[in-house]
Amino acid sequence: MKRLEATVAFGEFEFDPRRHELRRGGHRVALQEQPYQILESLLERPDELVTREELRERLWPAGVYVEHEKSINVAVMKLRDALGDSAEAPRFIVTVPRLGYRFIAPVTASEPGERLGELRAAASTLAAQEWGQLTRELDATDPPANRPGSARGRLWRIFQKLGDDLRQRFTGS
């Protein structure tokens, strides 16, 4: 089985095998080793069956005797919990009874942080739109002068605190 080398994105998540991390919206999601290994196995072969036997071989070396059926079930349950997924209404992992699991969500390759950059760009666009709408509304009710007590003046001070670069990104000024 070929190991993942590149970061992959699915849903609101990024899986970065180089950093051994699962992230949601740029924030690290706590994931124990066995659920992590199962997720990696599923992401290596999206929309294909990964058998319980393949998972057993990956999780436990030859000669290690554990109740692997129950242990796999528990690890998959923890993985689903971390992803906000469920067996009853799967978004990511579907159970193939008595055989194994398939990863069913679309998976795309991405550079680490690429999704975070996309989210930040979307947030910047939304903030700029909201700023424009807010200033139009304030112009109608509050003189445009940035006097200290005006609502627009208070908002402008918030952007000043964010720094010139970020303020320019949001306001274009």
Protein backbone atom coordinates (compact mmCIF):
# COMPACT_ATOMS: atom_id res chain seq x y z
CA MET A 1 0.00 0.00 0.00
CA LYS A 2 1.42 3.37 -1.06
CA ARG A 3 1.74 5.80 1.85
CA LEU A 4 0.41 9.34 1.55
CA GLU A 5 3.05 12.00 1.07
CA ALA A 6 0.99 15.08 0.20
CA THR A 7 -1.58 16.92 2.25
CA VAL A 8 -5.13 16.04 1.27
CA ALA A 9 -8.34 17.97 1.89
CA PHE A 10 -11.84 16.64 2.42
CA GLY A 11 -14.88 18.46 3.74
CA GLU A 12 -13.66 21.04 6.23
CA PHE A 13 -10.55 18.97 7.04
CA GLU A 14 -6.91 18.79 5.96
CA PHE A 15 -4.85 15.66 6.56
CA ASP A 16 -1.11 16.33 6.55
CA PRO A 17 0.94 13.12 6.78
CA ARG A 18 4.25 15.03 6.83
CA ARG A 19 3.23 16.75 10.06
CA HIS A 20 1.20 13.80 11.30
CA GLU A 21 -1.83 16.10 11.72
CA LEU A 22 -5.51 16.33 11.04
CA ARG A 23 -6.78 19.92 10.95
CA ARG A 24 -10.25 21.47 10.80
CA GLY A 25 -10.27 25.08 9.67
CA GLY A 26 -6.55 25.32 10.36
CA HIS A 27 -6.85 24.03 13.93
CA ARG A 28 -5.33 20.71 14.94
CA VAL A 29 -7.83 17.95 15.74
CA ALA A 30 -6.74 15.59 18.53
CA LEU A 31 -6.57 12.06 17.15
CA GLN A 32 -5.02 9.00 18.76
CA GLU A 33 -2.56 6.89 16.79
CA GLN A 34 -4.84 4.02 15.75
CA PRO A 35 -7.67 6.26 14.46
CA TYR A 36 -4.99 8.32 12.68
CA GLN A 37 -3.58 5.19 11.00
CA ILE A 38 -7.06 4.09 9.93
CA LEU A 39 -7.79 7.51 8.44
CA GLU A 40 -4.49 7.46 6.59
CA SER A 41 -5.28 3.99 5.21
CA LEU A 42 -8.69 5.16 4.00
CA LEU A 43 -7.29 8.35 2.44
CA GLU A 44 -4.62 6.37 0.58
CA ARG A 45 -7.42 4.62 -1.31
CA PRO A 46 -10.51 6.88 -1.32
CA ASP A 47 -13.76 5.23 -2.40
CA GLU A 48 -12.11 1.78 -2.26
CA LEU A 49 -12.66 -0.94 0.28
CA VAL A 50 -10.00 -1.12 2.98
CA THR A 51 -10.46 -4.49 4.63
CA ARG A 52 -10.43 -5.14 8.33
CA GLU A 53 -7.52 -7.52 7.68
CA GLU A 54 -5.51 -4.72 6.02
CA LEU A 55 -6.20 -2.50 9.00
CA ARG A 56 -5.16 -5.25 11.43
CA GLU A 57 -1.87 -5.70 9.55
CA ARG A 58 -1.21 -1.98 9.62
CA LEU A 59 -2.09 -1.45 13.27
CA TRP A 60 -0.44 -4.50 14.85
CA PRO A 61 2.79 -6.21 13.79
CA ALA A 62 2.87 -9.95 13.24
CA GLY A 63 2.95 -11.86 16.50
CA VAL A 64 0.99 -9.26 18.47
CA TYR A 65 -2.17 -10.78 19.84
CA VAL A 66 -5.01 -8.44 20.71
CA GLU A 67 -8.77 -8.49 20.32
CA HIS A 68 -8.32 -6.71 16.99
CA GLU A 69 -11.98 -6.85 15.89
CA LYS A 70 -13.12 -4.90 18.92
CA SER A 71 -10.07 -2.63 18.81
CA ILE A 72 -10.71 -1.72 15.16
CA ASN A 73 -14.36 -0.96 15.99
CA VAL A 74 -13.32 1.33 18.85
CA ALA A 75 -10.69 3.11 16.73
CA VAL A 76 -13.19 3.70 13.90
CA MET A 77 -15.71 5.01 16.44
CA LYS A 78 -13.09 7.48 17.75
CA LEU A 79 -12.21 8.51 14.19
CA ARG A 80 -15.85 9.13 13.32
CA ASP A 81 -16.25 11.14 16.51
CA ALA A 82 -13.26 13.34 15.60
CA LEU A 83 -14.70 13.90 12.11
CA GLY A 84 -18.24 14.51 13.35
CA ASP A 85 -19.33 11.49 11.32
CA SER A 86 -21.70 8.63 12.11
CA ALA A 87 -22.26 5.10 10.88
CA GLU A 88 -25.99 5.79 10.50
CA ALA A 89 -25.58 8.86 8.26
CA PRO A 90 -21.98 8.74 7.00
CA ARG A 91 -20.37 11.79 5.40
CA PHE A 92 -16.85 10.36 5.32
CA ILE A 93 -16.60 6.69 6.30
CA VAL A 94 -19.03 3.97 5.29
CA THR A 95 -18.96 0.51 6.83
CA VAL A 96 -18.97 -2.46 4.47
CA PRO A 97 -20.43 -5.11 6.81
CA ARG A 98 -17.99 -7.85 7.84
CA LEU A 99 -15.43 -6.65 5.27
CA GLY A 100 -14.10 -3.19 6.18
CA TYR A 101 -14.56 0.48 5.37
CA ARG A 102 -14.61 2.95 2.48
CA PHE A 103 -13.85 6.67 2.52
CA ILE A 104 -16.71 8.23 0.54
CA ALA A 105 -16.07 12.01 0.63
CA PRO A 106 -14.27 13.74 -2.25
CA VAL A 107 -10.53 14.02 -1.54
CA THR A 108 -8.26 16.61 -3.14
CA ALA A 109 -4.51 17.07 -2.87
CA SER A 110 -3.44 20.40 -1.40
CA GLU A 111 -0.39 22.08 0.02
CA PRO A 112 -0.26 22.40 3.82
CA GLY A 113 -2.28 25.43 4.85
CA GLU A 114 -3.75 25.88 1.35
CA ARG A 115 -7.26 25.35 2.66
CA LEU A 116 -6.55 27.75 5.51
CA GLY A 117 -5.44 30.33 2.94
CA GLU A 118 -8.67 29.76 1.01
CA LEU A 119 -10.69 30.19 4.20
CA ARG A 120 -8.83 33.38 5.10
CA ALA A 121 -9.36 34.78 1.59
CA ALA A 122 -13.08 33.99 1.80
CA ALA A 123 -13.24 35.62 5.24
CA SER A 124 -11.45 38.70 3.90
CA THR A 125 -13.89 38.98 1.01
CA LEU A 126 -16.85 38.61 3.34
CA ALA A 127 -15.38 41.14 5.78
CA ALA A 128 -14.82 43.64 2.95
CA GLN A 129 -18.40 43.18 1.78
CA GLU A 130 -19.71 43.60 5.32
CA TRP A 131 -17.49 46.66 5.84
CA GLY A 132 -18.87 48.24 2.66
CA GLN A 133 -22.46 47.57 3.69
CA LEU A 134 -21.85 48.79 7.23
CA THR A 135 -20.20 52.02 6.10
CA ARG A 136 -23.07 52.71 3.68
CA GLU A 137 -25.54 52.22 6.52
CA LEU A 138 -23.48 54.37 8.86
CA ASP A 139 -23.13 57.10 6.23
CA ALA A 140 -26.91 57.28 6.12
CA THR A 141 -27.25 57.66 9.89
CA ASP A 142 -23.89 58.95 11.13
CA PRO A 143 -21.78 61.70 9.56
CA PRO A 144 -18.86 60.15 7.64
CA ALA A 145 -16.29 62.12 9.62
CA ASN A 146 -14.26 59.74 11.76
CA ARG A 147 -14.97 61.61 14.96
CA PRO A 148 -14.08 59.61 18.08
CA GLY A 149 -17.63 59.06 19.33
CA SER A 150 -19.21 58.02 16.02
CA ALA A 151 -19.94 54.39 15.25
CA ARG A 152 -17.83 54.63 12.10
CA GLY A 153 -14.99 56.14 14.11
CA ARG A 154 -15.13 53.27 16.61
CA LEU A 155 -15.05 50.71 13.79
CA TRP A 156 -12.15 52.53 12.14
CA ARG A 157 -10.15 52.36 15.39
CA ILE A 158 -10.71 48.59 15.46
CA PHE A 159 -9.20 48.33 11.99
CA GLN A 160 -6.32 50.60 13.03
CA LYS A 161 -5.54 48.17 15.81
CA LEU A 162 -5.49 45.31 13.31
CA GLY A 163 -2.65 47.00 11.48
CA ASP A 164 -2.23 48.86 8.22
CA ASP A 165 -1.78 45.76 6.06
CA LEU A 166 -4.90 44.00 7.25
CA ARG A 167 -6.95 47.22 7.21
CA GLN A 168 -5.92 47.85 3.59
CA ARG A 169 -6.92 44.32 2.66
CA PHE A 170 -10.36 44.80 4.17
CA THR A 171 -11.06 48.37 3.13
CA GLY A 172 -8.92 49.00 0.07
CA SER A 173 -7.69 52.25 1.67
